[in-house]
Amino acid sequence: MSDDKSKTDYRDRSKASVSEDYEVQYIMSRYDLTRNRALELIAKHGGNRKKIEQELDAVNI
């Protein structure tokens, strides 16, 4: 059965939230970071996933 496309939520998926542990865990595991470093990056960039990933990708060149 297919998904009902008319039922959508309005969450902003472009932002990472420090209050959601799974989002912090994802960033930690993807970039092999400590919890404190992941939380620092989320706070520094206001949770903006693109900016966090750009900073980490630039370091991992």
N, C-alpha and C. Protein backbone atom coordinates (compact mmCIF):
# COMPACT_ATOMS: atom_id res chain seq x y z
N MET A 1 0.85 -1.16 0.00
CA MET A 1 0.00 0.00 0.00
C MET A 1 0.90 1.24 0.00
N SER A 2 0.54 2.22 -0.80
CA SER A 2 1.37 3.42 -0.90
C SER A 2 1.05 4.42 0.20
N ASP A 3 2.00 5.32 0.42
CA ASP A 3 1.80 6.37 1.42
C ASP A 3 0.78 7.38 0.93
N ASP A 4 0.04 7.95 1.86
CA ASP A 4 -0.91 9.00 1.54
C ASP A 4 -0.15 10.32 1.52
N LYS A 5 0.11 10.85 0.33
CA LYS A 5 0.91 12.07 0.17
C LYS A 5 0.20 13.32 0.70
N SER A 6 -1.11 13.22 0.93
CA SER A 6 -1.82 14.39 1.44
C SER A 6 -1.62 14.57 2.94
N LYS A 7 -1.13 13.53 3.60
CA LYS A 7 -0.88 13.61 5.05
C LYS A 7 0.60 13.87 5.27
N THR A 8 0.93 15.12 5.49
CA THR A 8 2.32 15.48 5.75
C THR A 8 2.43 16.22 7.05
N ASP A 9 3.59 16.18 7.62
CA ASP A 9 3.82 16.97 8.83
C ASP A 9 4.64 18.19 8.44
N TYR A 10 4.83 19.07 9.36
CA TYR A 10 5.50 20.33 9.05
C TYR A 10 6.81 20.48 9.82
N ARG A 11 7.46 19.37 10.09
CA ARG A 11 8.75 19.43 10.76
C ARG A 11 9.80 19.95 9.80
N ASP A 12 10.74 20.66 10.32
CA ASP A 12 11.82 21.19 9.52
C ASP A 12 12.96 20.19 9.54
N ARG A 13 13.07 19.42 8.50
CA ARG A 13 14.08 18.36 8.45
C ARG A 13 15.47 18.87 8.12
N SER A 14 15.59 20.16 7.85
CA SER A 14 16.90 20.72 7.56
C SER A 14 17.64 21.10 8.84
N LYS A 15 17.01 20.94 9.98
CA LYS A 15 17.60 21.30 11.27
C LYS A 15 17.79 20.06 12.13
N ALA A 16 18.90 20.04 12.83
CA ALA A 16 19.17 19.00 13.82
C ALA A 16 18.85 19.57 15.19
N SER A 17 18.23 18.78 16.01
CA SER A 17 17.81 19.24 17.33
C SER A 17 18.63 18.55 18.42
N VAL A 18 19.12 19.33 19.37
CA VAL A 18 19.86 18.74 20.47
C VAL A 18 18.94 17.99 21.43
N SER A 19 17.66 18.28 21.37
CA SER A 19 16.72 17.60 22.26
C SER A 19 16.33 16.22 21.75
N GLU A 20 16.67 15.90 20.51
CA GLU A 20 16.40 14.58 19.94
C GLU A 20 17.70 13.79 19.89
N ASP A 21 17.80 12.80 20.77
CA ASP A 21 19.04 12.04 20.89
C ASP A 21 19.43 11.34 19.59
N TYR A 22 18.44 10.84 18.84
CA TYR A 22 18.77 10.11 17.61
C TYR A 22 19.42 11.04 16.58
N GLU A 23 19.09 12.32 16.59
CA GLU A 23 19.70 13.25 15.65
C GLU A 23 21.16 13.52 16.03
N VAL A 24 21.41 13.65 17.31
CA VAL A 24 22.79 13.84 17.78
C VAL A 24 23.60 12.57 17.50
N GLN A 25 23.01 11.41 17.75
CA GLN A 25 23.68 10.13 17.49
C GLN A 25 24.04 9.98 16.01
N TYR A 26 23.14 10.42 15.13
CA TYR A 26 23.40 10.31 13.70
C TYR A 26 24.63 11.12 13.31
N ILE A 27 24.71 12.34 13.78
CA ILE A 27 25.86 13.19 13.46
C ILE A 27 27.13 12.59 14.07
N MET A 28 27.03 12.08 15.28
CA MET A 28 28.18 11.47 15.94
C MET A 28 28.69 10.28 15.13
N SER A 29 27.79 9.40 14.71
CA SER A 29 28.22 8.19 14.02
C SER A 29 28.67 8.48 12.60
N ARG A 30 28.03 9.40 11.92
CA ARG A 30 28.40 9.70 10.53
C ARG A 30 29.79 10.30 10.43
N TYR A 31 30.13 11.14 11.38
CA TYR A 31 31.42 11.84 11.32
C TYR A 31 32.40 11.41 12.40
N ASP A 32 32.08 10.37 13.14
CA ASP A 32 32.95 9.85 14.20
C ASP A 32 33.34 10.95 15.18
N LEU A 33 32.31 11.58 15.77
CA LEU A 33 32.51 12.68 16.71
C LEU A 33 32.13 12.26 18.12
N THR A 34 32.67 13.00 19.09
CA THR A 34 32.20 12.83 20.46
C THR A 34 30.87 13.53 20.61
N ARG A 35 30.15 13.20 21.63
CA ARG A 35 28.85 13.82 21.88
C ARG A 35 29.01 15.33 22.08
N ASN A 36 30.02 15.72 22.86
CA ASN A 36 30.24 17.15 23.11
C ASN A 36 30.54 17.91 21.82
N ARG A 37 31.35 17.34 20.95
CA ARG A 37 31.68 18.01 19.68
C ARG A 37 30.44 18.14 18.80
N ALA A 38 29.62 17.10 18.74
CA ALA A 38 28.39 17.16 17.96
C ALA A 38 27.45 18.23 18.50
N LEU A 39 27.32 18.31 19.82
CA LEU A 39 26.46 19.32 20.43
C LEU A 39 26.99 20.73 20.18
N GLU A 40 28.32 20.89 20.20
CA GLU A 40 28.92 22.19 19.91
C GLU A 40 28.60 22.64 18.49
N LEU A 41 28.72 21.71 17.55
CA LEU A 41 28.45 22.05 16.15
C LEU A 41 26.98 22.40 15.93
N ILE A 42 26.10 21.67 16.56
CA ILE A 42 24.67 21.95 16.44
C ILE A 42 24.37 23.34 17.00
N ALA A 43 24.95 23.66 18.14
CA ALA A 43 24.74 24.97 18.74
C ALA A 43 25.36 26.07 17.89
N LYS A 44 26.56 25.85 17.38
CA LYS A 44 27.27 26.84 16.58
C LYS A 44 26.50 27.22 15.32
N HIS A 45 25.90 26.23 14.68
CA HIS A 45 25.21 26.46 13.41
C HIS A 45 23.70 26.51 13.55
N GLY A 46 23.22 26.59 14.76
CA GLY A 46 21.78 26.68 14.98
C GLY A 46 21.02 25.46 14.51
N GLY A 47 21.71 24.34 14.44
CA GLY A 47 21.07 23.10 14.02
C GLY A 47 21.00 22.92 12.51
N ASN A 48 21.53 23.85 11.74
CA ASN A 48 21.47 23.78 10.28
C ASN A 48 22.34 22.62 9.79
N ARG A 49 21.70 21.57 9.31
CA ARG A 49 22.43 20.36 8.88
C ARG A 49 23.42 20.64 7.77
N LYS A 50 23.04 21.47 6.80
CA LYS A 50 23.93 21.76 5.67
C LYS A 50 25.22 22.41 6.14
N LYS A 51 25.12 23.38 7.03
CA LYS A 51 26.31 24.07 7.51
C LYS A 51 27.19 23.15 8.35
N ILE A 52 26.57 22.30 9.16
CA ILE A 52 27.32 21.33 9.97
C ILE A 52 28.08 20.40 9.04
N GLU A 53 27.39 19.85 8.05
CA GLU A 53 28.02 18.91 7.13
C GLU A 53 29.09 19.58 6.29
N GLN A 54 28.88 20.83 5.88
CA GLN A 54 29.89 21.54 5.10
C GLN A 54 31.16 21.74 5.92
N GLU A 55 31.01 22.12 7.19
CA GLU A 55 32.18 22.31 8.04
C GLU A 55 32.93 21.01 8.23
N LEU A 56 32.21 19.92 8.48
CA LEU A 56 32.85 18.65 8.72
C LEU A 56 33.46 18.08 7.43
N ASP A 57 32.81 18.27 6.30
CA ASP A 57 33.36 17.79 5.04
C ASP A 57 34.63 18.56 4.68
N ALA A 58 34.67 19.84 5.00
CA ALA A 58 35.85 20.65 4.70
C ALA A 58 37.06 20.16 5.52
N VAL A 59 36.79 19.74 6.74
CA VAL A 59 37.87 19.25 7.61
C VAL A 59 38.34 17.87 7.17
N ASN A 60 37.44 17.06 6.64
CA ASN A 60 37.76 15.68 6.27
C ASN A 60 38.22 15.52 4.83
N ILE A 61 38.70 16.57 4.21
CA ILE A 61 39.14 16.50 2.80
C ILE A 61 40.31 15.61 2.63
